[in-house]
Amino acid sequence: QVQLVESGGGLVQPGGTLKLSCTAVGTSDSLIFMGWYRQAPGGPRWSVASVDPRNKTDYADFVKGRATVSRVNGGYTVNLQMNNLNSANTAVYYCAAFHRWGDNAYWGHGLQVTVSS
């Protein structure tokens, strides 16, 4: 069974940097999609950034220019770095992945990120 193991997050100072990591375990099949979503309290889950096996990246408009998403570890780990954080970035961040378009996604358990001094 595929599991997404996330790490990072926590309390970040305004203007600081966030680093998140997610590793897919329990599979040796290629994952066509790996990415990060965010969900603020009471709000919907929005895409933040994603990267395909050829390292083609996609970013939400609200993070363009201050986020970097990458895949390492043979394509089974996705990392996200976001710079210059503010309180609007406070949310639970979720890792998502799937093998093929049309598949149900695997989801991580979520990481709380709080931007506060």
Protein backbone atom coordinates (compact mmCIF):
# COMPACT_ATOMS: atom_id res chain seq x y z
CA GLN A 1 0.00 0.00 0.00
CA VAL A 2 1.34 3.40 -0.97
CA GLN A 3 1.90 5.90 1.80
CA LEU A 4 3.08 9.48 1.57
CA VAL A 5 5.38 10.37 4.44
CA GLU A 6 5.64 14.12 5.02
CA SER A 7 8.06 16.17 7.05
CA GLY A 8 8.73 19.81 7.76
CA GLY A 9 6.40 22.65 8.58
CA GLY A 10 5.71 24.02 12.03
CA LEU A 11 6.17 27.62 13.15
CA VAL A 12 7.80 29.99 10.69
CA GLN A 13 8.66 33.63 11.26
CA PRO A 14 7.17 36.20 8.89
CA GLY A 15 9.58 36.64 6.03
CA GLY A 16 11.06 33.24 6.74
CA THR A 17 11.45 30.11 4.63
CA LEU A 18 9.36 26.96 4.63
CA LYS A 19 10.74 23.59 3.65
CA LEU A 20 8.50 20.56 3.20
CA SER A 21 9.37 17.06 2.05
CA CYS A 22 7.22 14.09 1.06
CA THR A 23 8.33 10.57 0.17
CA ALA A 24 6.16 7.90 -1.40
CA VAL A 25 6.79 4.48 0.11
CA GLY A 26 5.34 1.12 -0.83
CA THR A 27 5.55 1.49 -4.61
CA SER A 28 8.08 1.10 -7.41
CA ASP A 29 5.72 2.33 -10.13
CA SER A 30 6.33 5.75 -11.59
CA LEU A 31 4.25 8.59 -10.15
CA ILE A 32 3.15 10.91 -12.90
CA PHE A 33 2.09 13.54 -10.39
CA MET A 34 3.56 14.65 -7.09
CA GLY A 35 2.66 17.96 -5.53
CA TRP A 36 1.57 20.05 -2.61
CA TYR A 37 -1.79 21.47 -1.63
CA ARG A 38 -2.78 23.83 1.15
CA GLN A 39 -5.95 24.21 3.17
CA ALA A 40 -6.67 27.12 5.50
CA PRO A 41 -9.22 26.68 8.31
CA GLY A 42 -12.73 26.47 6.88
CA GLY A 43 -11.46 26.84 3.35
CA PRO A 44 -11.01 24.63 0.29
CA ARG A 45 -7.88 22.71 -0.58
CA TRP A 46 -5.82 24.56 -3.18
CA SER A 47 -2.94 23.41 -5.30
CA VAL A 48 0.38 25.06 -4.45
CA ALA A 49 2.91 23.42 -6.72
CA SER A 50 3.56 20.16 -8.56
CA VAL A 51 6.26 18.47 -10.59
CA ASP A 52 6.13 15.61 -13.11
CA PRO A 53 8.74 12.86 -13.67
CA ARG A 54 10.53 15.04 -16.24
CA ASN A 55 10.78 17.85 -13.67
CA LYS A 56 8.22 20.01 -15.40
CA THR A 57 6.84 22.24 -12.66
CA ASP A 58 3.60 24.06 -12.13
CA TYR A 59 2.93 26.77 -9.54
CA ALA A 60 -0.15 28.49 -8.23
CA ASP A 61 -0.17 32.20 -8.98
CA PHE A 62 0.03 33.09 -5.29
CA VAL A 63 3.45 31.42 -4.91
CA LYS A 64 5.08 32.10 -8.27
CA GLY A 65 8.48 33.63 -7.86
CA ARG A 66 8.94 32.58 -4.24
CA ALA A 67 8.51 28.81 -4.32
CA THR A 68 10.57 25.94 -5.68
CA VAL A 69 9.27 22.40 -6.07
CA SER A 70 11.51 19.50 -7.02
CA ARG A 71 11.63 15.71 -7.16
CA VAL A 72 14.55 13.63 -5.94
CA ASN A 73 15.15 10.10 -4.75
CA GLY A 74 14.39 8.53 -8.12
CA GLY A 75 11.23 10.60 -8.37
CA TYR A 76 9.63 9.33 -5.17
CA THR A 77 10.33 12.40 -3.03
CA VAL A 78 8.90 15.85 -3.66
CA ASN A 79 10.34 18.88 -1.89
CA LEU A 80 8.81 22.31 -1.58
CA GLN A 81 10.57 25.46 -0.49
CA MET A 82 8.70 28.72 -0.07
CA ASN A 83 10.36 32.01 0.76
CA ASN A 84 9.19 35.28 2.27
CA LEU A 85 6.23 33.79 4.10
CA ASN A 86 3.43 35.85 5.60
CA SER A 87 0.38 35.10 7.73
CA ALA A 88 -1.69 34.30 4.63
CA ASN A 89 0.50 31.23 4.16
CA THR A 90 -0.72 29.74 7.44
CA ALA A 91 -2.49 26.49 6.55
CA VAL A 92 -2.26 22.72 6.59
CA TYR A 93 -0.11 21.56 3.70
CA TYR A 94 -0.81 18.20 2.08
CA CYS A 95 1.30 16.08 -0.23
CA ALA A 96 -0.50 14.33 -3.08
CA ALA A 97 0.59 11.83 -5.70
CA PHE A 98 -0.81 9.42 -8.24
CA HIS A 99 0.51 6.97 -10.81
CA ARG A 100 -1.60 7.84 -13.85
CA TRP A 101 -4.05 10.54 -14.85
CA GLY A 102 -7.51 9.48 -13.76
CA ASP A 103 -6.29 7.51 -10.75
CA ASN A 104 -7.40 8.41 -7.26
CA ALA A 105 -4.68 10.37 -5.52
CA TYR A 106 -2.73 9.29 -2.49
CA TRP A 107 -2.65 11.93 0.23
CA GLY A 108 -0.34 12.62 3.12
CA HIS A 109 -1.66 13.29 6.60
CA GLY A 110 -0.98 17.01 6.36
CA LEU A 111 1.51 19.36 7.97
CA GLN A 112 0.49 22.40 9.98
CA VAL A 113 2.38 25.53 8.96
CA THR A 114 1.89 28.62 11.08
CA VAL A 115 3.48 31.91 10.10
CA SER A 116 3.76 34.06 13.20
CA SER A 117 6.26 36.02 15.23
